[in-house]
Amino acid sequence: MKITPVKGTNDYLPEEVALRDRLQDIILKAYRSAGFTRISTPILEELENLDNSDGGENLALIFKIMKRGDKFISAAEEAKNAAEPSENTFCDLGLRYDLTLPLSRYYANNRSKLPLPFKVIQLDRVYRAERPQKGRMREFVQCDIDIIGEPSYTAEVELILTTARALRGIGLDDFTVRINDRVLLKAIISSCGVAADMNDPVCIVLDKLDKIGWDGVCAEMSEKGISDSVITSLKELMSRSPFTLEDAAGAVSSETADNLRKVITSVNRIDPDLDIVYDPTLVRGQGYYTGTVFEILSASFGSSVAGGGRYDGLIGKFTGENTPAVGFSIGFERIFSILSARGDKAEGLRQAVAVFYDAENPEESFIKAELKASELRDRYDVTLVEEPSRKKFGKTLERLRQSGYYGYLKENECDVTPL
């Protein structure tokens, strides 16, 4: 049997879990201090819900779960009679690929019991059938905050400020918030001659700009049938430096541009030290975004550490009526890997102490050790350990030290000996 974790997943050592817990506690504290409350949803969702969630390219990365028992037998019979049976014939459930679709279903199911607007926290694991590589995990944690039921731009402002506080709390400060609006972006694309039915495909290609550059973007748009003249026009317009919100405003209704301007202005007035810029090329890959989209780029890490946007149509897929909703998600794994590599530790934890007991006389020695541990637990985290032989004593102490222990003592001793 294999002892290594499945590719794209990780085992975490105690000191790593301690750091993860500390970072998540800081993030949760920042979220809760802004009035958000935490919920939890199952990792399993109906496959029908996942497939119809407009999740963009993530839909191709769903871990699907096969039907069971009689349902599987019926599916097998159905597949025999189908001209081209699909894998969905045999599957009915899937693992969530993000936390937004589960939240939308959760809200639709529980909305009669929830306040409006609903300010919600989700900090949980999600799953994607990625090809494992650096920065691409199959299992990872997202830290989300969302506001449901608030159509005003003030929701975006609140999410941006709260997320920035959380990132500063865990030690990040050299970051920039990039912001755009899907409505504005599609208007710009249309003004360059892109047909309406090609807006979404072009947006998907533009979303890859940071990874493949303009040469790659132009090549992919050409493959989709976009003419060279339209591609040139779009590239020249969006490559203009600087390309300001005023440059874009003429392509769309004043309300859309004004809302984006209000978000930027409000953030600047409330938190002058927070760098927020309009980026006409920012897309975000999920298809369910309907308006504002934003992303936080860390200068020192050279990558995105958080992202989100407005998805006013997703809840309506369950309820039949659109509901204003906007969210921001911190990519926890990327931050954890960066801070861990930097040498960050789980500060502020109680010191751990080992109490040795005599394994050859456990009946009496173990009881004394447990009583001694009870005396110490007001000040320390205490573990009982079999006292090693003199030959192995040094190796045992070294292992305790490597595991983060502060010190040790025997059950008949009063003082802790530091390691």
Protein backbone atom coordinates (compact mmCIF):
# COMPACT_ATOMS: atom_id res chain seq x y z
CA MET A 1 0.00 0.00 0.00
CA LYS A 2 1.17 3.53 -0.78
CA ILE A 3 2.09 5.76 2.15
CA THR A 4 2.15 9.06 0.26
CA PRO A 5 -0.98 11.25 -0.05
CA VAL A 6 -2.85 11.39 -3.34
CA LYS A 7 -1.16 13.75 -5.80
CA GLY A 8 -2.50 17.26 -5.42
CA THR A 9 -3.21 16.80 -1.70
CA ASN A 10 -1.01 17.22 1.37
CA ASP A 11 -0.30 15.75 4.78
CA TYR A 12 0.51 18.48 7.31
CA LEU A 13 2.86 18.10 10.27
CA PRO A 14 1.77 19.40 13.69
CA GLU A 15 3.79 22.62 13.37
CA GLU A 16 2.29 23.21 9.91
CA VAL A 17 -1.22 22.70 11.24
CA ALA A 18 -0.42 25.12 14.06
CA LEU A 19 0.58 27.80 11.52
CA ARG A 20 -2.50 27.09 9.38
CA ASP A 21 -4.71 27.39 12.47
CA ARG A 22 -3.08 30.69 13.45
CA LEU A 23 -3.53 32.18 9.98
CA GLN A 24 -7.13 31.04 9.76
CA ASP A 25 -7.87 32.40 13.23
CA ILE A 26 -6.53 35.83 12.20
CA ILE A 27 -8.62 35.80 9.02
CA LEU A 28 -11.75 34.72 10.90
CA LYS A 29 -11.20 37.43 13.52
CA ALA A 30 -10.99 40.10 10.80
CA TYR A 31 -14.13 38.76 9.13
CA ARG A 32 -16.14 38.52 12.35
CA SER A 33 -15.05 41.98 13.49
CA ALA A 34 -16.83 43.35 10.39
CA GLY A 35 -20.11 41.63 11.29
CA PHE A 36 -19.85 38.48 9.16
CA THR A 37 -21.09 35.15 10.54
CA ARG A 38 -19.83 31.69 9.64
CA ILE A 39 -21.79 28.85 8.03
CA SER A 40 -20.90 25.38 6.80
CA THR A 41 -22.13 23.42 3.78
CA PRO A 42 -21.53 19.81 2.62
CA ILE A 43 -18.63 19.02 0.32
CA LEU A 44 -21.10 17.06 -1.83
CA GLU A 45 -23.50 18.78 -4.22
CA GLU A 46 -25.97 17.51 -6.77
CA LEU A 47 -24.10 17.16 -10.06
CA GLU A 48 -26.94 18.96 -11.82
CA ASN A 49 -26.32 22.02 -9.62
CA LEU A 50 -22.59 22.02 -10.27
CA ASP A 51 -22.98 21.57 -14.03
CA ASN A 52 -25.43 24.49 -14.27
CA SER A 53 -23.47 26.92 -12.10
CA ASP A 54 -21.67 28.89 -14.85
CA GLY A 55 -18.37 28.09 -13.21
CA GLY A 56 -16.33 28.61 -16.36
CA GLU A 57 -13.42 26.26 -16.94
CA ASN A 58 -13.86 24.87 -13.41
CA LEU A 59 -16.79 22.81 -14.68
CA ALA A 60 -14.30 20.56 -16.47
CA LEU A 61 -12.53 19.97 -13.13
CA ILE A 62 -15.43 18.54 -11.10
CA PHE A 63 -14.76 15.35 -9.16
CA LYS A 64 -17.84 13.29 -10.03
CA ILE A 65 -19.27 10.52 -7.87
CA MET A 66 -20.85 7.46 -9.44
CA LYS A 67 -24.39 6.40 -8.72
CA ARG A 68 -24.83 3.55 -6.29
CA GLY A 69 -26.94 0.40 -6.03
CA ASP A 70 -30.11 0.28 -8.11
CA LYS A 71 -29.40 3.74 -9.55
CA PHE A 72 -26.15 2.47 -11.04
CA ILE A 73 -27.83 -0.63 -12.48
CA SER A 74 -30.48 1.58 -14.09
CA ALA A 75 -27.77 3.87 -15.46
CA ALA A 76 -25.95 0.91 -16.99
CA GLU A 77 -29.14 -0.17 -18.76
CA GLU A 78 -29.70 3.39 -19.96
CA ALA A 79 -26.15 3.55 -21.32
CA LYS A 80 -26.68 0.37 -23.34
CA ASN A 81 -29.54 2.01 -25.22
CA ALA A 82 -27.87 5.41 -25.65
CA ALA A 83 -26.15 6.32 -28.90
CA GLU A 84 -23.45 8.28 -27.06
CA PRO A 85 -23.65 7.70 -23.29
CA SER A 86 -21.94 10.39 -21.21
CA GLU A 87 -20.15 10.04 -17.90
CA ASN A 88 -23.04 11.94 -16.30
CA THR A 89 -25.24 8.92 -17.05
CA PHE A 90 -23.34 7.10 -14.32
CA CYS A 91 -22.84 10.05 -11.93
CA ASP A 92 -25.26 12.06 -9.80
CA LEU A 93 -23.09 13.88 -7.24
CA GLY A 94 -19.88 15.90 -7.28
CA LEU A 95 -17.41 17.55 -4.91
CA ARG A 96 -17.78 21.33 -4.66
CA TYR A 97 -15.19 23.17 -6.77
CA ASP A 98 -15.68 26.47 -4.92
CA LEU A 99 -17.83 27.84 -2.09
CA THR A 100 -20.05 30.19 -4.12
CA LEU A 101 -22.39 27.62 -5.68
CA PRO A 102 -22.96 25.85 -2.32
CA LEU A 103 -23.64 29.23 -0.68
CA SER A 104 -26.19 30.11 -3.35
CA ARG A 105 -28.02 26.82 -2.81
CA TYR A 106 -27.75 27.24 0.98
CA TYR A 107 -29.26 30.72 0.83
CA ALA A 108 -32.08 29.59 -1.46
CA ASN A 109 -32.91 26.78 0.97
CA ASN A 110 -32.65 28.80 4.19
CA ARG A 111 -33.48 32.38 3.15
CA SER A 112 -36.64 32.55 5.27
CA LYS A 113 -34.47 32.09 8.38
CA LEU A 114 -31.64 34.44 7.41
CA PRO A 115 -31.21 38.22 7.82
CA LEU A 116 -31.07 40.54 4.84
CA PRO A 117 -28.50 41.57 3.88
CA PHE A 118 -26.79 38.32 4.84
CA LYS A 119 -23.08 38.76 5.64
CA VAL A 120 -21.52 35.33 5.62
CA ILE A 121 -18.17 33.60 6.18
CA GLN A 122 -17.10 30.30 4.66
CA LEU A 123 -13.72 28.79 5.43
CA ASP A 124 -13.58 25.31 3.99
CA ARG A 125 -12.00 22.80 1.63
CA VAL A 126 -12.85 22.62 -2.06
CA TYR A 127 -11.85 20.12 -4.73
CA ARG A 128 -10.80 20.36 -8.37
CA ALA A 129 -9.56 17.59 -10.67
CA GLU A 130 -6.47 19.59 -11.57
CA ARG A 131 -3.34 18.20 -13.13
CA PRO A 132 -1.13 18.45 -10.02
CA GLN A 133 1.67 21.00 -10.32
CA LYS A 134 3.10 23.88 -8.33
CA GLY A 135 0.26 26.17 -7.34
CA ARG A 136 -2.39 23.73 -8.60
CA MET A 137 -3.90 21.54 -5.88
CA ARG A 138 -6.74 19.05 -6.01
CA GLU A 139 -7.77 19.82 -2.44
CA PHE A 140 -7.37 23.31 -1.01
CA VAL A 141 -8.89 25.78 1.45
CA GLN A 142 -10.74 28.95 0.50
CA CYS A 143 -11.58 31.76 2.94
CA ASP A 144 -14.71 33.50 1.63
CA ILE A 145 -16.86 36.41 2.71
CA ASP A 146 -20.05 37.27 0.86
CA ILE A 147 -22.84 39.80 1.17
CA ILE A 148 -26.23 38.67 -0.13
CA GLY A 149 -29.16 41.02 -0.66
CA GLU A 150 -27.25 44.31 -1.02
CA PRO A 151 -27.31 45.77 -4.57
CA SER A 152 -25.35 48.91 -3.66
CA TYR A 153 -21.66 49.41 -4.43
CA THR A 154 -21.17 49.72 -0.65
CA ALA A 155 -21.09 45.91 -0.46
CA GLU A 156 -18.02 45.83 -2.70
CA VAL A 157 -16.36 48.52 -0.60
CA GLU A 158 -16.98 46.57 2.60
CA LEU A 159 -15.63 43.32 1.14
CA ILE A 160 -12.47 44.98 -0.18
CA LEU A 161 -11.70 46.75 3.11
CA THR A 162 -12.39 43.64 5.22
CA THR A 163 -10.26 41.39 3.02
CA ALA A 164 -7.42 43.93 3.13
CA ARG A 165 -7.57 43.97 6.95
CA ALA A 166 -7.40 40.18 7.02
CA LEU A 167 -4.35 40.09 4.74
CA ARG A 168 -2.57 42.76 6.76
CA GLY A 169 -3.35 40.79 9.89
CA ILE A 170 -1.42 37.77 8.63
CA GLY A 171 1.56 39.88 7.60
CA LEU A 172 0.90 40.94 4.00
CA ASP A 173 0.94 44.64 3.20
CA ASP A 174 2.49 45.23 -0.23
CA PHE A 175 -0.54 44.37 -2.33
CA THR A 176 -2.76 46.06 -4.90
CA VAL A 177 -6.49 45.66 -5.44
CA ARG A 178 -7.34 45.43 -9.15
CA ILE A 179 -10.96 46.10 -10.04
CA ASN A 180 -13.11 45.97 -13.16
CA ASP A 181 -16.74 45.43 -14.17
CA ARG A 182 -17.93 42.66 -16.49
CA VAL A 183 -20.61 44.94 -17.97
CA LEU A 184 -18.01 47.60 -18.73
CA LEU A 185 -15.58 45.02 -20.13
CA LYS A 186 -18.18 43.55 -22.49
CA ALA A 187 -19.13 47.04 -23.66
CA ILE A 188 -15.48 47.77 -24.49
CA ILE A 189 -15.19 44.47 -26.33
CA SER A 190 -18.35 45.20 -28.32
CA SER A 191 -17.12 48.70 -29.18
CA CYS A 192 -14.09 47.08 -30.84
CA GLY A 193 -16.33 45.03 -33.11
CA VAL A 194 -16.73 41.75 -31.22
CA ALA A 195 -20.18 40.22 -31.82
CA ALA A 196 -22.42 39.91 -28.76
CA ASP A 197 -22.43 36.10 -28.87
CA MET A 198 -18.62 36.11 -28.73
CA ASN A 199 -18.31 38.38 -25.68
CA ASP A 200 -18.07 35.54 -23.16
CA PRO A 201 -15.55 33.48 -25.20
CA VAL A 202 -13.38 36.58 -25.65
CA CYS A 203 -13.59 37.30 -21.90
CA ILE A 204 -12.40 33.76 -21.17
CA VAL A 205 -9.39 34.30 -23.43
CA LEU A 206 -8.61 37.71 -21.91
CA ASP A 207 -8.62 36.08 -18.48
CA LYS A 208 -5.42 34.28 -19.54
CA LEU A 209 -3.57 37.52 -20.36
CA ASP A 210 -1.34 37.37 -17.27
CA LYS A 211 -0.29 33.81 -18.15
CA ILE A 212 0.10 33.81 -21.94
CA GLY A 213 0.56 37.51 -22.79
CA TRP A 214 -0.96 39.40 -25.70
CA ASP A 215 0.61 37.11 -28.31
CA GLY A 216 -1.13 34.11 -26.79
CA VAL A 217 -4.41 35.99 -26.33
CA CYS A 218 -4.40 37.20 -29.93
CA ALA A 219 -3.67 33.70 -31.20
CA GLU A 220 -6.55 32.17 -29.23
CA MET A 221 -8.98 34.88 -30.33
CA SER A 222 -7.98 34.24 -33.93
CA GLU A 223 -8.69 30.53 -33.42
CA LYS A 224 -12.18 31.47 -32.26
CA GLY A 225 -12.83 33.30 -35.50
CA ILE A 226 -12.25 36.88 -34.36
CA SER A 227 -10.96 38.95 -37.29
CA ASP A 228 -7.45 40.43 -37.27
CA SER A 229 -8.81 43.98 -37.42
CA VAL A 230 -11.00 43.45 -34.35
CA ILE A 231 -8.14 41.80 -32.47
CA THR A 232 -5.81 44.69 -33.32
CA SER A 233 -8.40 47.25 -32.26
CA LEU A 234 -9.01 45.48 -28.95
CA LYS A 235 -5.30 45.07 -28.20
CA GLU A 236 -4.48 48.70 -29.01
CA LEU A 237 -7.32 49.98 -26.85
CA MET A 238 -6.67 47.77 -23.81
CA SER A 239 -2.88 48.15 -24.03
CA ARG A 240 -3.15 51.93 -23.79
CA SER A 241 -1.18 53.16 -20.81
CA PRO A 242 -2.76 54.41 -18.79
CA PHE A 243 -6.21 53.17 -19.76
CA THR A 244 -8.43 55.04 -17.32
CA LEU A 245 -11.98 54.61 -16.19
CA GLU A 246 -12.78 57.81 -18.06
CA ASP A 247 -11.49 56.18 -21.27
CA ALA A 248 -13.89 53.29 -20.74
CA ALA A 249 -16.89 55.27 -19.54
CA GLY A 250 -18.03 56.22 -23.04
CA ALA A 251 -18.61 52.58 -23.95
CA VAL A 252 -21.28 51.89 -21.34
CA SER A 253 -24.05 53.49 -19.31
CA SER A 254 -22.93 56.14 -16.87
CA GLU A 255 -24.37 54.14 -13.94
CA THR A 256 -21.94 51.24 -14.40
CA ALA A 257 -18.90 53.49 -14.66
CA ASP A 258 -20.14 55.66 -11.78
CA ASN A 259 -20.55 52.64 -9.48
CA LEU A 260 -17.01 51.50 -10.21
CA ARG A 261 -15.74 55.02 -9.62
CA LYS A 262 -17.63 55.16 -6.30
CA VAL A 263 -16.03 51.92 -5.14
CA ILE A 264 -12.53 53.20 -5.89
CA THR A 265 -13.19 56.65 -4.40
CA SER A 266 -14.77 55.23 -1.23
CA VAL A 267 -11.90 52.81 -0.62
CA ASN A 268 -9.37 55.62 -1.15
CA ARG A 269 -11.15 57.89 1.33
CA ILE A 270 -11.62 55.22 4.01
CA ASP A 271 -8.19 53.58 3.67
CA PRO A 272 -5.76 55.93 1.87
CA ASP A 273 -2.91 53.42 2.26
CA LEU A 274 -4.75 50.73 0.30
CA ASP A 275 -3.71 50.71 -3.35
CA ILE A 276 -6.74 50.14 -5.62
CA VAL A 277 -6.62 50.53 -9.41
CA TYR A 278 -8.95 50.09 -12.34
CA ASP A 279 -7.72 47.29 -14.62
CA PRO A 280 -9.65 46.97 -17.90
CA THR A 281 -8.14 43.52 -18.59
CA LEU A 282 -9.28 41.91 -15.33
CA VAL A 283 -11.89 39.23 -16.07
CA ARG A 284 -11.99 36.44 -13.44
CA GLY A 285 -12.73 33.07 -14.96
CA GLN A 286 -16.07 32.17 -13.43
CA GLY A 287 -18.99 32.70 -15.78
CA TYR A 288 -21.43 33.51 -12.98
CA TYR A 289 -19.96 36.99 -12.40
CA THR A 290 -22.40 39.66 -13.58
CA GLY A 291 -20.79 42.98 -12.61
CA THR A 292 -17.87 44.08 -10.47
CA VAL A 293 -14.84 41.77 -10.33
CA PHE A 294 -11.74 42.28 -8.22
CA GLU A 295 -8.44 40.64 -7.39
CA ILE A 296 -5.61 41.28 -4.96
CA LEU A 297 -2.10 41.03 -6.35
CA SER A 298 0.84 40.70 -3.97
CA ALA A 299 3.95 42.55 -5.17
CA SER A 300 6.43 40.46 -3.18
CA PHE A 301 4.88 37.16 -4.22
CA GLY A 302 4.08 38.18 -7.79
CA SER A 303 0.73 36.45 -7.81
CA SER A 304 -2.93 36.82 -6.94
CA VAL A 305 -3.80 36.01 -3.33
CA ALA A 306 -7.54 36.83 -3.38
CA GLY A 307 -10.33 37.41 -5.86
CA GLY A 308 -14.06 37.76 -6.23
CA GLY A 309 -16.94 39.65 -7.74
CA ARG A 310 -20.68 40.18 -8.03
CA TYR A 311 -22.93 37.27 -9.03
CA ASP A 312 -26.48 38.63 -9.03
CA GLY A 313 -27.87 35.78 -11.14
CA LEU A 314 -26.60 32.62 -9.43
CA ILE A 315 -29.06 32.41 -6.54
CA GLY A 316 -31.88 32.97 -9.02
CA LYS A 317 -31.04 29.63 -10.65
CA PHE A 318 -32.48 28.06 -7.49
CA THR A 319 -35.23 30.54 -6.57
CA GLY A 320 -36.36 31.82 -9.96
CA GLU A 321 -35.63 35.43 -9.03
CA ASN A 322 -32.31 37.26 -9.12
CA THR A 323 -30.80 38.18 -5.77
CA PRO A 324 -27.92 40.67 -5.36
CA ALA A 325 -24.79 38.90 -4.15
CA VAL A 326 -21.08 39.67 -4.09
CA GLY A 327 -18.13 37.82 -2.57
CA PHE A 328 -14.37 37.91 -1.99
CA SER A 329 -12.21 34.80 -1.51
CA ILE A 330 -8.70 34.54 -0.07
CA GLY A 331 -6.63 31.75 -1.63
CA PHE A 332 -5.39 30.26 1.61
CA GLU A 333 -3.02 27.60 0.26
CA ARG A 334 -0.97 30.06 -1.75
CA ILE A 335 -0.59 32.35 1.25
CA PHE A 336 0.24 29.44 3.55
CA SER A 337 2.93 28.06 1.23
CA ILE A 338 4.52 31.49 0.85
CA LEU A 339 4.52 32.33 4.56
CA SER A 340 5.67 28.83 5.47
CA ALA A 341 8.60 29.08 3.04
CA ARG A 342 9.40 32.49 4.54
CA GLY A 343 9.79 30.84 7.92
CA ASP A 344 6.66 32.10 9.65
CA LYS A 345 5.74 30.17 12.80
CA ALA A 346 2.62 29.76 14.87
CA GLU A 347 3.32 32.50 17.40
CA GLY A 348 1.24 33.07 20.47
CA LEU A 349 0.56 29.38 21.17
CA ARG A 350 0.92 27.95 24.67
CA GLN A 351 4.18 26.15 25.34
CA ALA A 352 4.10 22.37 25.17
CA VAL A 353 5.62 20.20 27.91
CA ALA A 354 6.19 16.44 28.16
CA VAL A 355 5.77 14.59 31.47
CA PHE A 356 7.69 11.31 31.59
CA TYR A 357 6.32 8.26 33.39
CA ASP A 358 7.96 4.92 34.14
CA ALA A 359 6.71 2.38 31.58
CA GLU A 360 7.91 -0.49 33.79
CA ASN A 361 5.67 0.66 36.63
CA PRO A 362 2.78 2.26 34.73
CA GLU A 363 0.03 1.66 37.26
CA GLU A 364 1.58 3.98 39.83
CA SER A 365 3.81 6.16 37.65
CA PHE A 366 1.17 6.93 35.01
CA ILE A 367 -1.30 8.10 37.66
CA LYS A 368 1.33 10.38 39.22
CA ALA A 369 2.25 11.73 35.79
CA GLU A 370 -1.39 12.48 34.96
CA LEU A 371 -1.84 14.28 38.29
CA LYS A 372 1.33 16.28 37.62
CA ALA A 373 0.05 17.11 34.11
CA SER A 374 -3.25 18.34 35.59
CA GLU A 375 -1.32 20.79 37.77
CA LEU A 376 0.56 22.14 34.75
CA ARG A 377 -2.28 22.45 32.24
CA ASP A 378 -3.25 25.92 33.41
CA ARG A 379 0.10 27.11 32.03
CA TYR A 380 1.15 24.54 29.43
CA ASP A 381 -0.14 22.04 26.89
CA VAL A 382 0.97 18.77 28.49
CA THR A 383 1.57 15.33 26.96
CA LEU A 384 2.42 12.15 28.85
CA VAL A 385 5.38 10.23 27.40
CA GLU A 386 6.98 6.93 28.35
CA GLU A 387 10.37 7.67 29.87
CA PRO A 388 12.98 6.35 27.44
CA SER A 389 16.04 4.36 28.36
CA ARG A 390 19.21 6.27 29.13
CA LYS A 391 20.54 5.26 25.71
CA LYS A 392 17.54 6.72 23.88
CA PHE A 393 16.98 9.69 26.19
CA GLY A 394 18.88 12.22 24.06
CA LYS A 395 17.14 11.13 20.85
CA THR A 396 13.74 11.44 22.56
CA LEU A 397 14.53 14.97 23.73
CA GLU A 398 15.69 15.95 20.24
CA ARG A 399 12.45 14.65 18.73
CA LEU A 400 10.43 16.62 21.27
CA ARG A 401 12.43 19.73 20.46
CA GLN A 402 11.86 19.27 16.73
CA SER A 403 8.14 18.90 17.42
CA GLY A 404 8.05 22.29 19.13
CA TYR A 405 8.07 21.26 22.79
CA TYR A 406 9.32 23.78 25.32
CA GLY A 407 10.50 21.37 28.01
CA TYR A 408 9.99 18.19 30.03
CA LEU A 409 9.94 16.79 33.57
CA LYS A 410 9.44 13.48 35.35
CA GLU A 411 6.30 12.73 37.31
CA ASN A 412 8.13 13.21 40.62
CA GLU A 413 9.78 16.53 39.67
CA CYS A 414 8.48 20.04 40.30
CA ASP A 415 10.22 22.18 37.69
CA VAL A 416 10.11 22.04 33.91
CA THR A 417 13.50 21.54 32.27
CA PRO A 418 13.74 23.57 29.04
CA LEU A 419 14.83 21.67 25.95
